[in-house]
């Protein structure tokens, strides 16, 4: 899949990766979560609320480790 390919190339060249699919804590398999926090059915693009609740703090913490 595309995500794994990107991650693999980054690892090969020593580029840091934050894989939010595994560390965000959001469960895309729940219909209520999907309707509240994702823009559409692809379960890839979050709403503003989704970023605020599940992503922003994790990205900020990860950036501070670089």
N, C-alpha and C. Protein backbone atom coordinates (compact mmCIF):
# COMPACT_ATOMS: atom_id res chain seq x y z
N UNK A 1 0.84 -1.18 0.00
CA UNK A 1 0.00 0.00 0.00
C UNK A 1 0.89 1.25 0.00
N UNK A 2 0.31 2.36 -0.33
CA UNK A 2 1.05 3.61 -0.51
C UNK A 2 1.73 4.04 0.79
N UNK A 3 1.00 3.95 1.90
CA UNK A 3 1.57 4.38 3.19
C UNK A 3 2.83 3.61 3.52
N UNK A 4 2.79 2.30 3.35
CA UNK A 4 3.96 1.47 3.67
C UNK A 4 5.12 1.77 2.73
N UNK A 5 4.82 2.06 1.47
CA UNK A 5 5.87 2.41 0.51
C UNK A 5 6.58 3.70 0.90
N UNK A 6 5.80 4.70 1.27
CA UNK A 6 6.38 5.98 1.69
C UNK A 6 7.23 5.78 2.94
N UNK A 7 6.70 5.04 3.89
CA UNK A 7 7.42 4.78 5.14
C UNK A 7 8.73 4.04 4.85
N UNK A 8 8.70 3.08 3.97
CA UNK A 8 9.89 2.30 3.63
C UNK A 8 10.97 3.17 3.00
N UNK A 9 10.59 4.04 2.07
CA UNK A 9 11.56 4.92 1.42
C UNK A 9 12.16 5.89 2.45
N UNK A 10 11.33 6.43 3.31
CA UNK A 10 11.83 7.35 4.35
C UNK A 10 12.82 6.64 5.26
N UNK A 11 12.50 5.44 5.68
CA UNK A 11 13.41 4.67 6.54
C UNK A 11 14.73 4.39 5.83
N UNK A 12 14.66 4.07 4.54
CA UNK A 12 15.87 3.79 3.77
C UNK A 12 16.82 4.98 3.76
N UNK A 13 16.29 6.19 3.68
CA UNK A 13 17.11 7.39 3.59
C UNK A 13 17.23 8.15 4.91
N UNK A 14 16.77 7.55 5.99
CA UNK A 14 16.92 8.15 7.31
C UNK A 14 16.04 9.37 7.55
N UNK A 15 14.91 9.41 6.87
CA UNK A 15 13.97 10.52 7.04
C UNK A 15 12.98 10.14 8.14
N UNK A 16 12.86 10.97 9.17
CA UNK A 16 11.93 10.65 10.25
C UNK A 16 10.48 10.56 9.76
N UNK A 17 9.74 9.63 10.34
CA UNK A 17 8.35 9.41 9.95
C UNK A 17 7.48 9.39 11.20
N UNK A 18 6.37 10.08 11.14
CA UNK A 18 5.35 10.01 12.18
C UNK A 18 4.15 9.33 11.55
N UNK A 19 3.92 8.09 11.87
CA UNK A 19 2.82 7.32 11.29
C UNK A 19 1.58 7.45 12.17
N UNK A 20 0.76 8.42 11.84
CA UNK A 20 -0.42 8.71 12.64
C UNK A 20 -1.49 7.63 12.55
N UNK A 21 -1.38 6.76 11.56
CA UNK A 21 -2.35 5.66 11.47
C UNK A 21 -2.26 4.77 12.71
N UNK A 22 -1.06 4.70 13.29
CA UNK A 22 -0.86 3.80 14.43
C UNK A 22 -0.74 4.52 15.77
N UNK A 23 -0.42 5.80 15.76
CA UNK A 23 -0.18 6.45 17.05
C UNK A 23 -1.18 7.56 17.39
N UNK A 24 -2.15 7.81 16.53
CA UNK A 24 -3.08 8.90 16.81
C UNK A 24 -4.12 8.54 17.87
N UNK A 25 -4.44 7.27 17.96
CA UNK A 25 -5.46 6.86 18.92
C UNK A 25 -6.87 6.90 18.38
N UNK A 26 -7.05 7.35 17.16
CA UNK A 26 -8.38 7.41 16.57
C UNK A 26 -8.73 6.05 15.98
N UNK A 27 -9.95 5.63 16.19
CA UNK A 27 -10.41 4.34 15.67
C UNK A 27 -11.37 4.58 14.52
N UNK A 28 -10.86 4.43 13.31
CA UNK A 28 -11.66 4.72 12.12
C UNK A 28 -12.71 3.66 11.82
N UNK A 29 -12.75 2.61 12.59
CA UNK A 29 -13.72 1.55 12.35
C UNK A 29 -15.06 1.76 13.04
N UNK A 30 -15.23 2.91 13.68
CA UNK A 30 -16.48 3.18 14.40
C UNK A 30 -17.24 4.27 13.65
N UNK A 31 -18.47 3.99 13.25
CA UNK A 31 -19.24 4.92 12.43
C UNK A 31 -19.37 6.31 13.06
N UNK A 32 -19.60 6.37 14.35
CA UNK A 32 -19.75 7.66 15.02
C UNK A 32 -18.46 8.47 14.95
N UNK A 33 -17.34 7.79 15.13
CA UNK A 33 -16.03 8.45 15.02
C UNK A 33 -15.84 8.96 13.60
N UNK A 34 -16.18 8.14 12.62
CA UNK A 34 -16.03 8.55 11.22
C UNK A 34 -16.82 9.81 10.92
N UNK A 35 -18.07 9.86 11.36
CA UNK A 35 -18.92 11.00 11.04
C UNK A 35 -18.47 12.27 11.79
N UNK A 36 -17.88 12.12 12.95
CA UNK A 36 -17.46 13.28 13.73
C UNK A 36 -16.08 13.81 13.35
N UNK A 37 -15.16 12.93 13.00
CA UNK A 37 -13.77 13.33 12.89
C UNK A 37 -13.13 13.16 11.51
N UNK A 38 -13.85 12.60 10.55
CA UNK A 38 -13.30 12.46 9.20
C UNK A 38 -14.13 13.25 8.21
N UNK A 39 -13.45 13.83 7.21
CA UNK A 39 -14.15 14.64 6.21
C UNK A 39 -15.03 13.81 5.29
N UNK A 40 -14.59 12.60 4.98
CA UNK A 40 -15.37 11.75 4.08
C UNK A 40 -15.09 10.28 4.37
N UNK A 41 -15.64 9.43 3.56
CA UNK A 41 -15.58 7.99 3.81
C UNK A 41 -14.19 7.39 3.65
N UNK A 42 -13.23 8.13 3.12
CA UNK A 42 -11.89 7.54 2.93
C UNK A 42 -11.15 7.31 4.25
N UNK A 43 -11.64 7.91 5.31
CA UNK A 43 -11.06 7.77 6.65
C UNK A 43 -9.56 8.11 6.66
N UNK A 44 -9.19 9.07 5.84
CA UNK A 44 -7.82 9.54 5.77
C UNK A 44 -7.73 11.00 6.17
N UNK A 45 -8.65 11.80 5.74
CA UNK A 45 -8.60 13.24 5.97
C UNK A 45 -9.51 13.62 7.13
N UNK A 46 -8.89 14.19 8.15
CA UNK A 46 -9.61 14.54 9.37
C UNK A 46 -10.28 15.90 9.27
N UNK A 47 -11.31 16.07 10.07
CA UNK A 47 -11.91 17.38 10.25
C UNK A 47 -11.02 18.20 11.19
N UNK A 48 -11.34 19.46 11.34
CA UNK A 48 -10.60 20.29 12.28
C UNK A 48 -10.69 19.70 13.70
N UNK A 49 -11.86 19.21 14.06
CA UNK A 49 -12.05 18.60 15.38
C UNK A 49 -11.21 17.33 15.53
N UNK A 50 -11.10 16.58 14.45
CA UNK A 50 -10.28 15.37 14.47
C UNK A 50 -8.82 15.68 14.73
N UNK A 51 -8.31 16.71 14.05
CA UNK A 51 -6.93 17.12 14.30
C UNK A 51 -6.74 17.60 15.72
N UNK A 52 -7.67 18.42 16.20
CA UNK A 52 -7.53 18.95 17.56
C UNK A 52 -7.55 17.85 18.61
N UNK A 53 -8.44 16.89 18.45
CA UNK A 53 -8.60 15.85 19.47
C UNK A 53 -7.52 14.77 19.39
N UNK A 54 -7.10 14.39 18.18
CA UNK A 54 -6.26 13.21 18.02
C UNK A 54 -4.85 13.46 17.49
N UNK A 55 -4.60 14.57 16.85
CA UNK A 55 -3.35 14.69 16.10
C UNK A 55 -2.43 15.82 16.55
N UNK A 56 -2.95 17.01 16.74
CA UNK A 56 -2.09 18.18 16.95
C UNK A 56 -1.05 17.99 18.05
N UNK A 57 -1.46 17.50 19.20
CA UNK A 57 -0.51 17.31 20.31
C UNK A 57 0.57 16.29 19.96
N UNK A 58 0.20 15.24 19.24
CA UNK A 58 1.17 14.21 18.87
C UNK A 58 2.19 14.74 17.87
N UNK A 59 1.72 15.53 16.91
CA UNK A 59 2.63 16.12 15.93
C UNK A 59 3.58 17.09 16.62
N UNK A 60 3.06 17.92 17.50
CA UNK A 60 3.90 18.87 18.22
C UNK A 60 4.97 18.16 19.04
N UNK A 61 4.58 17.12 19.76
CA UNK A 61 5.55 16.36 20.57
C UNK A 61 6.60 15.70 19.69
N UNK A 62 6.18 15.15 18.55
CA UNK A 62 7.10 14.47 17.64
C UNK A 62 8.11 15.47 17.06
N UNK A 63 7.63 16.65 16.67
CA UNK A 63 8.51 17.66 16.10
C UNK A 63 9.58 18.07 17.11
N UNK A 64 9.22 18.14 18.36
CA UNK A 64 10.18 18.51 19.40
C UNK A 64 11.29 17.47 19.58
N UNK A 65 11.07 16.24 19.10
CA UNK A 65 12.09 15.21 19.21
C UNK A 65 13.11 15.27 18.08
N UNK A 66 12.83 16.04 17.07
CA UNK A 66 13.72 16.10 15.90
C UNK A 66 14.96 16.94 16.16
